[in-house]
């Protein structure tokens, strides 16, 4: 077998160990991207357009597009509104210490 690496090994090689500033920045960016992808997926499963979702949460379509493509800099209040009011879901937040 060729020298196959896991994604974590590649991230460590290029961005450093977990806990270093650059690796933490990468992990935060990836988590924001995951949030945007989850919102987009849920919206599509409900057969909603970005415009329809935006109307449900009193935002512009361009804002929903930005959230779906880059979930960074979204407030918890807005995330709650999108998930609960806009998509009819339930938002759960957890963290590790």
PDB file of N, CA and C in Angstrom:
ATOM      1  N   UNK A   1       0.835  -1.170   0.000  1.00  0.00           N
ATOM      2  CA  UNK A   1       0.000   0.000   0.000  1.00  0.00           C
ATOM      3  C   UNK A   1       0.884   1.238   0.000  1.00  0.00           C
ATOM      4  N   UNK A   2       0.444   2.246  -0.741  1.00  0.00           N
ATOM      5  CA  UNK A   2       1.213   3.487  -0.778  1.00  0.00           C
ATOM      6  C   UNK A   2       1.076   4.230   0.543  1.00  0.00           C
ATOM      7  N   UNK A   3       1.898   5.218   0.715  1.00  0.00           N
ATOM      8  CA  UNK A   3       1.917   5.987   1.954  1.00  0.00           C
ATOM      9  C   UNK A   3       0.657   6.848   2.048  1.00  0.00           C
ATOM     10  N   UNK A   4      -0.408   6.275   2.580  1.00  0.00           N
ATOM     11  CA  UNK A   4      -1.689   6.960   2.704  1.00  0.00           C
ATOM     12  C   UNK A   4      -1.752   7.642   4.065  1.00  0.00           C
ATOM     13  N   UNK A   5      -2.203   8.920   4.059  1.00  0.00           N
ATOM     14  CA  UNK A   5      -2.314   9.681   5.302  1.00  0.00           C
ATOM     15  C   UNK A   5      -3.776  10.012   5.566  1.00  0.00           C
ATOM     16  N   UNK A   6      -4.085  10.122   6.842  1.00  0.00           N
ATOM     17  CA  UNK A   6      -5.433  10.551   7.221  1.00  0.00           C
ATOM     18  C   UNK A   6      -5.527  12.065   7.061  1.00  0.00           C
ATOM     19  N   UNK A   7      -6.755  12.565   7.066  1.00  0.00           N
ATOM     20  CA  UNK A   7      -6.951  14.006   6.979  1.00  0.00           C
ATOM     21  C   UNK A   7      -6.300  14.715   8.166  1.00  0.00           C
ATOM     22  N   UNK A   8      -6.425  14.139   9.353  1.00  0.00           N
ATOM     23  CA  UNK A   8      -5.789  14.751  10.526  1.00  0.00           C
ATOM     24  C   UNK A   8      -4.273  14.803  10.386  1.00  0.00           C
ATOM     25  N   UNK A   9      -3.682  13.770   9.814  1.00  0.00           N
ATOM     26  CA  UNK A   9      -2.225  13.778   9.606  1.00  0.00           C
ATOM     27  C   UNK A   9      -1.822  14.869   8.614  1.00  0.00           C
ATOM     28  N   UNK A  10      -2.616  15.060   7.586  1.00  0.00           N
ATOM     29  CA  UNK A  10      -2.325  16.099   6.592  1.00  0.00           C
ATOM     30  C   UNK A  10      -2.485  17.482   7.224  1.00  0.00           C
ATOM     31  N   UNK A  11      -3.545  17.663   8.012  1.00  0.00           N
ATOM     32  CA  UNK A  11      -3.744  18.954   8.678  1.00  0.00           C
ATOM     33  C   UNK A  11      -2.583  19.250   9.625  1.00  0.00           C
ATOM     34  N   UNK A  12      -2.122  18.236  10.343  1.00  0.00           N
ATOM     35  CA  UNK A  12      -0.997  18.424  11.253  1.00  0.00           C
ATOM     36  C   UNK A  12       0.261  18.794  10.478  1.00  0.00           C
ATOM     37  N   UNK A  13       0.487  18.131   9.358  1.00  0.00           N
ATOM     38  CA  UNK A  13       1.672  18.395   8.547  1.00  0.00           C
ATOM     39  C   UNK A  13       1.690  19.838   8.039  1.00  0.00           C
ATOM     40  N   UNK A  14       0.563  20.345   7.586  1.00  0.00           N
ATOM     41  CA  UNK A  14       0.524  21.665   6.964  1.00  0.00           C
ATOM     42  C   UNK A  14       0.133  22.802   7.908  1.00  0.00           C
ATOM     43  N   UNK A  15      -0.607  22.493   8.970  1.00  0.00           N
ATOM     44  CA  UNK A  15      -1.113  23.547   9.853  1.00  0.00           C
ATOM     45  C   UNK A  15      -0.663  23.416  11.298  1.00  0.00           C
ATOM     46  N   UNK A  16       0.063  22.364  11.626  1.00  0.00           N
ATOM     47  CA  UNK A  16       0.569  22.198  12.981  1.00  0.00           C
ATOM     48  C   UNK A  16      -0.338  21.339  13.844  1.00  0.00           C
ATOM     49  N   UNK A  17       0.131  21.098  15.036  1.00  0.00           N
ATOM     50  CA  UNK A  17      -0.604  20.269  15.997  1.00  0.00           C
ATOM     51  C   UNK A  17      -1.869  20.975  16.467  1.00  0.00           C
ATOM     52  N   UNK A  18      -2.827  20.179  16.931  1.00  0.00           N
ATOM     53  CA  UNK A  18      -4.034  20.733  17.530  1.00  0.00           C
ATOM     54  C   UNK A  18      -3.622  21.599  18.709  1.00  0.00           C
ATOM     55  N   UNK A  19      -4.207  22.787  18.798  1.00  0.00           N
ATOM     56  CA  UNK A  19      -3.880  23.709  19.878  1.00  0.00           C
ATOM     57  C   UNK A  19      -2.961  24.835  19.459  1.00  0.00           C
ATOM     58  N   UNK A  20      -2.319  24.701  18.297  1.00  0.00           N
ATOM     59  CA  UNK A  20      -1.491  25.806  17.805  1.00  0.00           C
ATOM     60  C   UNK A  20      -2.411  26.826  17.135  1.00  0.00           C
ATOM     61  N   UNK A  21      -2.021  28.097  17.119  1.00  0.00           N
ATOM     62  CA  UNK A  21      -2.892  29.138  16.557  1.00  0.00           C
ATOM     63  C   UNK A  21      -3.342  28.866  15.113  1.00  0.00           C
ATOM     64  N   UNK A  22      -2.443  28.461  14.258  1.00  0.00           N
ATOM     65  CA  UNK A  22      -2.819  28.228  12.861  1.00  0.00           C
ATOM     66  C   UNK A  22      -3.769  27.045  12.720  1.00  0.00           C
ATOM     67  N   UNK A  23      -3.530  25.994  13.477  1.00  0.00           N
ATOM     68  CA  UNK A  23      -4.421  24.824  13.419  1.00  0.00           C
ATOM     69  C   UNK A  23      -5.793  25.170  13.986  1.00  0.00           C
ATOM     70  N   UNK A  24      -5.822  25.926  15.072  1.00  0.00           N
ATOM     71  CA  UNK A  24      -7.105  26.345  15.644  1.00  0.00           C
ATOM     72  C   UNK A  24      -7.881  27.198  14.649  1.00  0.00           C
ATOM     73  N   UNK A  25      -7.200  28.094  13.946  1.00  0.00           N
ATOM     74  CA  UNK A  25      -7.851  28.929  12.939  1.00  0.00           C
ATOM     75  C   UNK A  25      -8.457  28.059  11.847  1.00  0.00           C
ATOM     76  N   UNK A  26      -7.702  27.074  11.382  1.00  0.00           N
ATOM     77  CA  UNK A  26      -8.196  26.159  10.355  1.00  0.00           C
ATOM     78  C   UNK A  26      -9.417  25.399  10.847  1.00  0.00           C
ATOM     79  N   UNK A  27      -9.349  24.842  12.044  1.00  0.00           N
ATOM     80  CA  UNK A  27     -10.466  24.068  12.583  1.00  0.00           C
ATOM     81  C   UNK A  27     -11.714  24.938  12.729  1.00  0.00           C
ATOM     82  N   UNK A  28     -11.550  26.191  13.156  1.00  0.00           N
ATOM     83  CA  UNK A  28     -12.685  27.106  13.281  1.00  0.00           C
ATOM     84  C   UNK A  28     -13.293  27.412  11.918  1.00  0.00           C
ATOM     85  N   UNK A  29     -12.457  27.622  10.916  1.00  0.00           N
ATOM     86  CA  UNK A  29     -12.953  27.878   9.565  1.00  0.00           C
ATOM     87  C   UNK A  29     -13.704  26.665   9.017  1.00  0.00           C
ATOM     88  N   UNK A  30     -13.183  25.478   9.269  1.00  0.00           N
ATOM     89  CA  UNK A  30     -13.852  24.262   8.807  1.00  0.00           C
ATOM     90  C   UNK A  30     -15.194  24.072   9.505  1.00  0.00           C
ATOM     91  N   UNK A  31     -15.263  24.392  10.792  1.00  0.00           N
ATOM     92  CA  UNK A  31     -16.526  24.274  11.523  1.00  0.00           C
ATOM     93  C   UNK A  31     -17.551  25.267  10.981  1.00  0.00           C
ATOM     94  N   UNK A  32     -17.116  26.479  10.672  1.00  0.00           N
ATOM     95  CA  UNK A  32     -18.019  27.467  10.084  1.00  0.00           C
ATOM     96  C   UNK A  32     -18.533  26.985   8.732  1.00  0.00           C
ATOM     97  N   UNK A  33     -17.667  26.374   7.955  1.00  0.00           N
ATOM     98  CA  UNK A  33     -18.067  25.839   6.658  1.00  0.00           C
ATOM     99  C   UNK A  33     -19.078  24.705   6.833  1.00  0.00           C
ATOM    100  N   UNK A  34     -18.868  23.854   7.838  1.00  0.00           N
ATOM    101  CA  UNK A  34     -19.818  22.765   8.117  1.00  0.00           C
ATOM    102  C   UNK A  34     -21.200  23.313   8.464  1.00  0.00           C
ATOM    103  N   UNK A  35     -21.238  24.375   9.250  1.00  0.00           N
ATOM    104  CA  UNK A  35     -22.512  24.986   9.619  1.00  0.00           C
ATOM    105  C   UNK A  35     -23.234  25.476   8.376  1.00  0.00           C
ATOM    106  N   UNK A  36     -22.520  26.175   7.509  1.00  0.00           N
ATOM    107  CA  UNK A  36     -23.118  26.664   6.269  1.00  0.00           C
ATOM    108  C   UNK A  36     -23.635  25.534   5.398  1.00  0.00           C
ATOM    109  N   UNK A  37     -22.866  24.465   5.296  1.00  0.00           N
ATOM    110  CA  UNK A  37     -23.285  23.304   4.485  1.00  0.00           C
ATOM    111  C   UNK A  37     -24.522  22.641   5.073  1.00  0.00           C
ATOM    112  N   UNK A  38     -24.595  22.553   6.393  1.00  0.00           N
ATOM    113  CA  UNK A  38     -25.769  21.948   7.040  1.00  0.00           C
ATOM    114  C   UNK A  38     -27.015  22.792   6.801  1.00  0.00           C
ATOM    115  N   UNK A  39     -26.875  24.099   6.879  1.00  0.00           N
ATOM    116  CA  UNK A  39     -28.011  24.981   6.622  1.00  0.00           C
ATOM    117  C   UNK A  39     -28.481  24.827   5.181  1.00  0.00           C
ATOM    118  N   UNK A  40     -27.553  24.824   4.248  1.00  0.00           N
ATOM    119  CA  UNK A  40     -27.911  24.670   2.837  1.00  0.00           C
ATOM    120  C   UNK A  40     -28.599  23.331   2.588  1.00  0.00           C
ATOM    121  N   UNK A  41     -28.052  22.267   3.143  1.00  0.00           N
ATOM    122  CA  UNK A  41     -28.622  20.938   2.962  1.00  0.00           C
ATOM    123  C   UNK A  41     -30.048  20.871   3.513  1.00  0.00           C
ATOM    124  N   UNK A  42     -30.246  21.430   4.705  1.00  0.00           N
ATOM    125  CA  UNK A  42     -31.583  21.423   5.314  1.00  0.00           C
ATOM    126  C   UNK A  42     -32.560  22.239   4.473  1.00  0.00           C
ATOM    127  N   UNK A  43     -32.114  23.388   3.998  1.00  0.00           N
ATOM    128  CA  UNK A  43     -32.966  24.232   3.163  1.00  0.00           C
ATOM    129  C   UNK A  43     -33.388  23.496   1.900  1.00  0.00           C
ATOM    130  N   UNK A  44     -32.434  22.824   1.272  1.00  0.00           N
ATOM    131  CA  UNK A  44     -32.732  22.081   0.046  1.00  0.00           C
ATOM    132  C   UNK A  44     -33.671  20.903   0.320  1.00  0.00           C
ATOM    133  N   UNK A  45     -33.498  20.220   1.452  1.00  0.00           N
ATOM    134  CA  UNK A  45     -34.386  19.109   1.802  1.00  0.00           C
ATOM    135  C   UNK A  45     -35.821  19.581   1.994  1.00  0.00           C
ATOM    136  N   UNK A  46     -35.974  20.830   2.443  1.00  0.00           N
ATOM    137  CA  UNK A  46     -37.301  21.403   2.637  1.00  0.00           C
ATOM    138  C   UNK A  46     -37.833  22.071   1.366  1.00  0.00           C
ATOM    139  N   UNK A  47     -37.058  21.969   0.278  1.00  0.00           N
ATOM    140  CA  UNK A  47     -37.428  22.582  -1.010  1.00  0.00           C
ATOM    141  C   UNK A  47     -37.676  24.082  -0.878  1.00  0.00           C
ATOM    142  N   UNK A  48     -36.841  24.733  -0.089  1.00  0.00           N
ATOM    143  CA  UNK A  48     -36.920  26.179   0.063  1.00  0.00           C
ATOM    144  C   UNK A  48     -35.839  26.841  -0.773  1.00  0.00           C
ATOM    145  N   UNK A  49     -36.160  27.979  -1.353  1.00  0.00           N
ATOM    146  CA  UNK A  49     -35.131  28.782  -2.011  1.00  0.00           C
ATOM    147  C   UNK A  49     -34.444  29.634  -0.950  1.00  0.00           C
ATOM    148  N   UNK A  50     -33.315  30.199  -1.295  1.00  0.00           N
ATOM    149  CA  UNK A  50     -32.653  31.110  -0.368  1.00  0.00           C
ATOM    150  C   UNK A  50     -33.564  32.300  -0.072  1.00  0.00           C
ATOM    151  N   UNK A  51     -34.280  32.759  -1.069  1.00  0.00           N
ATOM    152  CA  UNK A  51     -35.207  33.880  -0.897  1.00  0.00           C
ATOM    153  C   UNK A  51     -36.299  33.540   0.122  1.00  0.00           C
ATOM    154  N   UNK A  52     -36.854  32.344   0.017  1.00  0.00           N
ATOM    155  CA  UNK A  52     -37.911  31.933   0.951  1.00  0.00           C
ATOM    156  C   UNK A  52     -37.389  31.829   2.379  1.00  0.00           C
ATOM    157  N   UNK A  53     -36.194  31.253   2.534  1.00  0.00           N
ATOM    158  CA  UNK A  53     -35.604  31.157   3.868  1.00  0.00           C
ATOM    159  C   UNK A  53     -35.317  32.554   4.413  1.00  0.00           C
ATOM    160  N   UNK A  54     -34.803  33.413   3.573  1.00  0.00           N
ATOM    161  CA  UNK A  54     -34.504  34.785   3.995  1.00  0.00           C
ATOM    162  C   UNK A  54     -35.756  35.493   4.485  1.00  0.00           C
ATOM    163  N   UNK A  55     -36.862  35.317   3.786  1.00  0.00           N
ATOM    164  CA  UNK A  55     -38.121  35.942   4.192  1.00  0.00           C
ATOM    165  C   UNK A  55     -38.565  35.445   5.565  1.00  0.00           C
ATOM    166  N   UNK A  56     -38.372  34.177   5.841  1.00  0.00           N
ATOM    167  CA  UNK A  56     -38.788  33.602   7.122  1.00  0.00           C
ATOM    168  C   UNK A  56     -38.033  34.193   8.307  1.00  0.00           C
ATOM    169  N   UNK A  57     -36.807  34.647   8.062  1.00  0.00           N
ATOM    170  CA  UNK A  57     -35.975  35.165   9.161  1.00  0.00           C
ATOM    171  C   UNK A  57     -35.662  36.660   9.011  1.00  0.00           C
ATOM    172  N   UNK A  58     -36.401  37.317   8.125  1.00  0.00           N
ATOM    173  CA  UNK A  58     -36.246  38.767   7.928  1.00  0.00           C
ATOM    174  C   UNK A  58     -34.821  39.173   7.554  1.00  0.00           C
ATOM    175  N   UNK A  59     -34.246  38.426   6.628  1.00  0.00           N
ATOM    176  CA  UNK A  59     -32.913  38.740   6.110  1.00  0.00           C
ATOM    177  C   UNK A  59     -33.000  38.829   4.596  1.00  0.00           C
ATOM    178  N   UNK A  60     -31.901  39.238   3.972  1.00  0.00           N
ATOM    179  CA  UNK A  60     -31.836  39.285   2.507  1.00  0.00           C
ATOM    180  C   UNK A  60     -31.318  37.956   1.981  1.00  0.00           C
ATOM    181  N   UNK A  61     -31.685  37.631   0.742  1.00  0.00           N
ATOM    182  CA  UNK A  61     -31.215  36.395   0.115  1.00  0.00           C
ATOM    183  C   UNK A  61     -29.696  36.352   0.089  1.00  0.00           C
ATOM    184  N   UNK A  62     -29.063  37.484  -0.170  1.00  0.00           N
ATOM    185  CA  UNK A  62     -27.596  37.516  -0.229  1.00  0.00           C
ATOM    186  C   UNK A  62     -26.970  37.138   1.109  1.00  0.00           C
ATOM    187  N   UNK A  63     -27.655  37.474   2.207  1.00  0.00           N
ATOM    188  CA  UNK A  63     -27.155  37.099   3.530  1.00  0.00           C
ATOM    189  C   UNK A  63     -27.196  35.580   3.697  1.00  0.00           C
ATOM    190  N   UNK A  64     -28.314  34.960   3.291  1.00  0.00           N
ATOM    191  CA  UNK A  64     -28.435  33.505   3.385  1.00  0.00           C
ATOM    192  C   UNK A  64     -27.360  32.841   2.527  1.00  0.00           C
ATOM    193  N   UNK A  65     -27.125  33.376   1.353  1.00  0.00           N
ATOM    194  CA  UNK A  65     -26.079  32.834   0.481  1.00  0.00           C
ATOM    195  C   UNK A  65     -24.717  32.901   1.169  1.00  0.00           C
ATOM    196  N   UNK A  66     -24.413  34.029   1.793  1.00  0.00           N
ATOM    197  CA  UNK A  66     -23.128  34.176   2.487  1.00  0.00           C
ATOM    198  C   UNK A  66     -23.014  33.178   3.637  1.00  0.00           C
ATOM    199  N   UNK A  67     -24.088  32.998   4.389  1.00  0.00           N
ATOM    200  CA  UNK A  67     -24.067  32.042   5.505  1.00  0.00           C
ATOM    201  C   UNK A  67     -23.823  30.631   4.982  1.00  0.00           C
ATOM    202  N   UNK A  68     -24.502  30.255   3.897  1.00  0.00           N
ATOM    203  CA  UNK A  68     -24.345  28.908   3.353  1.00  0.00           C
ATOM    204  C   UNK A  68     -22.949  28.663   2.801  1.00  0.00           C
ATOM    205  N   UNK A  69     -22.323  29.688   2.283  1.00  0.00           N
ATOM    206  CA  UNK A  69     -21.004  29.525   1.679  1.00  0.00           C
ATOM    207  C   UNK A  69     -19.860  29.819   2.628  1.00  0.00           C
ATOM    208  N   UNK A  70     -20.157  30.503   3.732  1.00  0.00           N
ATOM    209  CA  UNK A  70     -19.129  30.845   4.703  1.00  0.00           C
ATOM    210  C   UNK A  70     -19.826  31.188   6.009  1.00  0.00           C
ATOM    211  N   UNK A  71     -20.024  30.195   6.850  1.00  0.00           N
ATOM    212  CA  UNK A  71     -20.776  30.384   8.080  1.00  0.00           C
ATOM    213  C   UNK A  71     -20.089  31.229   9.126  1.00  0.00           C
ATOM    214  N   UNK A  72     -18.914  31.759   8.824  1.00  0.00           N
ATOM    215  CA  UNK A  72     -18.198  32.575   9.805  1.00  0.00           C
ATOM    216  C   UNK A  72     -18.946  33.865  10.088  1.00  0.00           C
ATOM    217  N   UNK A  73     -18.708  34.413  11.251  1.00  0.00           N
ATOM    218  CA  UNK A  73     -19.242  35.703  11.668  1.00  0.00           C
ATOM    219  C   UNK A  73     -20.760  35.752  11.753  1.00  0.00           C
ATOM    220  N   UNK A  74     -21.399  34.627  11.938  1.00  0.00           N
ATOM    221  CA  UNK A  74     -22.832  34.605  12.163  1.00  0.00           C
ATOM    222  C   UNK A  74     -23.055  34.611  13.672  1.00  0.00           C
ATOM    223  N   UNK A  75     -23.973  35.438  14.124  1.00  0.00           N
ATOM    224  CA  UNK A  75     -24.235  35.476  15.563  1.00  0.00           C
ATOM    225  C   UNK A  75     -25.051  34.259  15.970  1.00  0.00           C
ATOM    226  N   UNK A  76     -24.986  33.922  17.239  1.00  0.00           N
ATOM    227  CA  UNK A  76     -25.790  32.811  17.744  1.00  0.00           C
ATOM    228  C   UNK A  76     -27.276  33.098  17.572  1.00  0.00           C
ATOM    229  N   UNK A  77     -27.689  34.343  17.768  1.00  0.00           N
ATOM    230  CA  UNK A  77     -29.095  34.722  17.604  1.00  0.00           C
ATOM    231  C   UNK A  77     -29.552  34.460  16.169  1.00  0.00           C
ATOM    232  N   UNK A  78     -28.735  34.851  15.202  1.00  0.00           N
ATOM    233  CA  UNK A  78     -29.083  34.644  13.799  1.00  0.00           C
ATOM    234  C   UNK A  78     -29.080  33.163  13.455  1.00  0.00           C
ATOM    235  N   UNK A  79     -28.115  32.419  13.963  1.00  0.00           N
ATOM    236  CA  UNK A  79     -28.077  30.982  13.732  1.00  0.00           C
ATOM    237  C   UNK A  79     -29.336  30.333  14.296  1.00  0.00           C
ATOM    238  N   UNK A  80     -29.720  30.740  15.500  1.00  0.00           N
ATOM    239  CA  UNK A  80     -30.944  30.226  16.121  1.00  0.00           C
ATOM    240  C   UNK A  80     -32.150  30.545  15.239  1.00  0.00           C
ATOM    241  N   UNK A  81     -32.257  31.794  14.763  1.00  0.00           N
ATOM    242  CA  UNK A  81     -33.381  32.186  13.914  1.00  0.00           C
ATOM    243  C   UNK A  81     -33.446  31.354  12.639  1.00  0.00           C
ATOM    244  N   UNK A  82     -32.311  31.152  11.999  1.00  0.00           N
ATOM    245  CA  UNK A  82     -32.289  30.385  10.745  1.00  0.00           C
ATOM    246  C   UNK A  82     -32.717  28.947  10.997  1.00  0.00           C
ATOM    247  N   UNK A  83     -32.133  28.321  12.012  1.00  0.00           N
ATOM    248  CA  UNK A  83     -32.420  26.904  12.272  1.00  0.00           C
ATOM    249  C   UNK A  83     -33.837  26.707  12.803  1.00  0.00           C
ATOM    250  N   UNK A  84     -34.223  27.484  13.789  1.00  0.00           N
ATOM    251  CA  UNK A  84     -35.503  27.250  14.448  1.00  0.00           C
ATOM    252  C   UNK A  84     -36.673  27.896  13.708  1.00  0.00           C
ATOM    253  N   UNK A  85     -36.583  29.177  13.409  1.00  0.00           N
ATOM    254  CA  UNK A  85     -37.695  29.854  12.724  1.00  0.00           C
ATOM    255  C   UNK A  85     -37.712  29.559  11.233  1.00  0.00           C
ATOM    256  N   UNK A  86     -36.532  29.606  10.632  1.00  0.00           N
ATOM    257  CA  UNK A  86     -36.464  29.445   9.184  1.00  0.00           C
ATOM    258  C   UNK A  86     -36.617  28.021   8.696  1.00  0.00           C
ATOM    259  N   UNK A  87     -35.972  27.087   9.389  1.00  0.00           N
ATOM    260  CA  UNK A  87     -35.959  25.695   8.936  1.00  0.00           C
ATOM    261  C   UNK A  87     -36.842  24.779   9.783  1.00  0.00           C
ATOM    262  N   UNK A  88     -37.335  25.285  10.900  1.00  0.00           N
ATOM    263  CA  UNK A  88     -38.189  24.470  11.759  1.00  0.00           C
ATOM    264  C   UNK A  88     -37.446  23.412  12.540  1.00  0.00           C
ATOM    265  N   UNK A  89     -36.152  23.599  12.716  1.00  0.00           N
ATOM    266  CA  UNK A  89     -35.340  22.625  13.444  1.00  0.00           C
ATOM    267  C   UNK A  89     -35.101  23.051  14.876  1.00  0.00           C
ATOM    268  N   UNK A  90     -34.188  22.357  15.528  1.00  0.00           N
ATOM    269  CA  UNK A  90     -33.807  22.680  16.903  1.00  0.00           C
ATOM    270  C   UNK A  90     -32.296  22.810  16.948  1.00  0.00           C
ATOM    271  N   UNK A  91     -31.820  23.917  17.453  1.00  0.00           N
ATOM    272  CA  UNK A  91     -30.386  24.175  17.543  1.00  0.00           C
ATOM    273  C   UNK A  91     -29.861  23.667  18.871  1.00  0.00           C
ATOM    274  N   UNK A  92     -28.808  22.865  18.805  1.00  0.00           N
ATOM    275  CA  UNK A  92     -28.112  22.387  19.996  1.00  0.00           C
ATOM    276  C   UNK A  92     -26.655  22.776  19.855  1.00  0.00           C
ATOM    277  N   UNK A  93     -26.109  23.344  20.876  1.00  0.00           N
ATOM    278  CA  UNK A  93     -24.709  23.775  20.855  1.00  0.00           C
ATOM    279  C   UNK A  93     -23.981  23.063  21.973  1.00  0.00           C
ATOM    280  N   UNK A  94     -22.817  22.547  21.669  1.00  0.00           N
ATOM    281  CA  UNK A  94     -22.004  21.909  22.698  1.00  0.00           C
ATOM    282  C   UNK A  94     -20.565  22.367  22.525  1.00  0.00           C
ATOM    283  N   UNK A  95     -19.788  22.186  23.545  1.00  0.00           N
ATOM    284  CA  UNK A  95     -18.373  22.491  23.454  1.00  0.00           C
ATOM    285  C   UNK A  95     -17.599  21.565  24.375  1.00  0.00           C
ATOM    286  N   UNK A  96     -16.330  21.438  24.069  1.00  0.00           N
ATOM    287  CA  UNK A  96     -15.430  20.606  24.867  1.00  0.00           C
ATOM    288  C   UNK A  96     -14.425  21.492  25.563  1.00  0.00           C
ATOM    289  N   UNK A  97     -14.071  21.126  26.778  1.00  0.00           N
ATOM    290  CA  UNK A  97     -13.031  21.850  27.527  1.00  0.00           C
ATOM    291  C   UNK A  97     -11.811  20.992  27.658  1.00  0.00           C
TER     292      UNK A  97
END
